[in-house]
Amino acid sequence: MKRKTFFSISAAIFFLIAILHVLRLIYGWEAVIGNWEVPFWVSWIALIIAGYVSYQGFQFSKKA
């Protein structure tokens, strides 16, 4: 797999993850892992991280 393809695919996956976190925050969807209900602040952090990784992946795919 070429670098450009890898960066594009991984950036798109992280973009979808970021969108899902945005939707969870907007619609108030609950996330439960085992017996633990994941607080909404975790989605804010995950949104920032996934958005950043997605942005960087798209930037690297342009350079590759």
Protein backbone atom coordinates (compact mmCIF):
# COMPACT_ATOMS: atom_id res chain seq x y z
CA MET A 1 0.00 0.00 0.00
CA LYS A 2 1.32 3.41 -0.90
CA ARG A 3 1.85 6.04 1.78
CA LYS A 4 -0.70 8.40 0.24
CA THR A 5 -3.37 5.67 0.26
CA PHE A 6 -2.58 4.71 3.85
CA PHE A 7 -2.77 8.29 5.08
CA SER A 8 -6.00 8.95 3.18
CA ILE A 9 -7.75 5.83 4.50
CA SER A 10 -6.63 6.34 8.08
CA ALA A 11 -7.59 10.03 7.96
CA ALA A 12 -11.06 9.12 6.67
CA ILE A 13 -11.53 6.55 9.44
CA PHE A 14 -10.54 9.05 12.13
CA PHE A 15 -12.81 11.64 10.51
CA LEU A 16 -15.74 9.22 10.84
CA ILE A 17 -14.84 8.61 14.49
CA ALA A 18 -14.80 12.38 15.09
CA ILE A 19 -18.22 12.72 13.41
CA LEU A 20 -19.64 9.97 15.63
CA HIS A 21 -18.41 11.81 18.73
CA VAL A 22 -20.01 15.02 17.49
CA LEU A 23 -23.29 13.17 16.94
CA ARG A 24 -23.07 11.65 20.43
CA LEU A 25 -22.62 15.11 21.93
CA ILE A 26 -25.44 16.67 19.90
CA TYR A 27 -28.02 13.93 20.39
CA GLY A 28 -26.98 12.91 23.89
CA TRP A 29 -26.38 9.26 23.00
CA GLU A 30 -25.23 7.12 25.89
CA ALA A 31 -22.07 5.04 25.63
CA VAL A 32 -21.67 2.14 28.02
CA ILE A 33 -18.61 -0.08 28.38
CA GLY A 34 -19.41 -2.99 30.62
CA ASN A 35 -21.14 -1.40 33.61
CA TRP A 36 -19.45 1.97 33.14
CA GLU A 37 -21.36 4.80 31.49
CA VAL A 38 -18.86 6.92 29.59
CA PRO A 39 -19.18 10.62 30.52
CA PHE A 40 -19.60 13.21 27.79
CA TRP A 41 -16.31 14.93 28.56
CA VAL A 42 -14.56 11.81 27.25
CA SER A 43 -16.22 12.41 23.87
CA TRP A 44 -14.94 15.99 23.84
CA ILE A 45 -11.38 14.74 24.33
CA ALA A 46 -11.84 11.95 21.77
CA LEU A 47 -13.31 14.45 19.30
CA ILE A 48 -10.27 16.72 19.61
CA ILE A 49 -7.82 13.83 19.26
CA ALA A 50 -9.63 12.14 16.35
CA GLY A 51 -10.09 15.47 14.58
CA TYR A 52 -6.41 16.31 14.94
CA VAL A 53 -5.26 12.88 13.74
CA SER A 54 -7.65 13.10 10.79
CA TYR A 55 -6.40 16.58 9.87
CA GLN A 56 -2.77 15.46 10.07
CA GLY A 57 -3.52 12.37 7.99
CA PHE A 58 -5.03 14.47 5.22
CA GLN A 59 -2.05 16.82 5.37
CA PHE A 60 0.41 13.92 5.11
CA SER A 61 -1.54 12.41 2.21
CA LYS A 62 -1.12 15.68 0.30
CA LYS A 63 2.65 15.62 0.86
CA ALA A 64 3.11 11.92 0.05
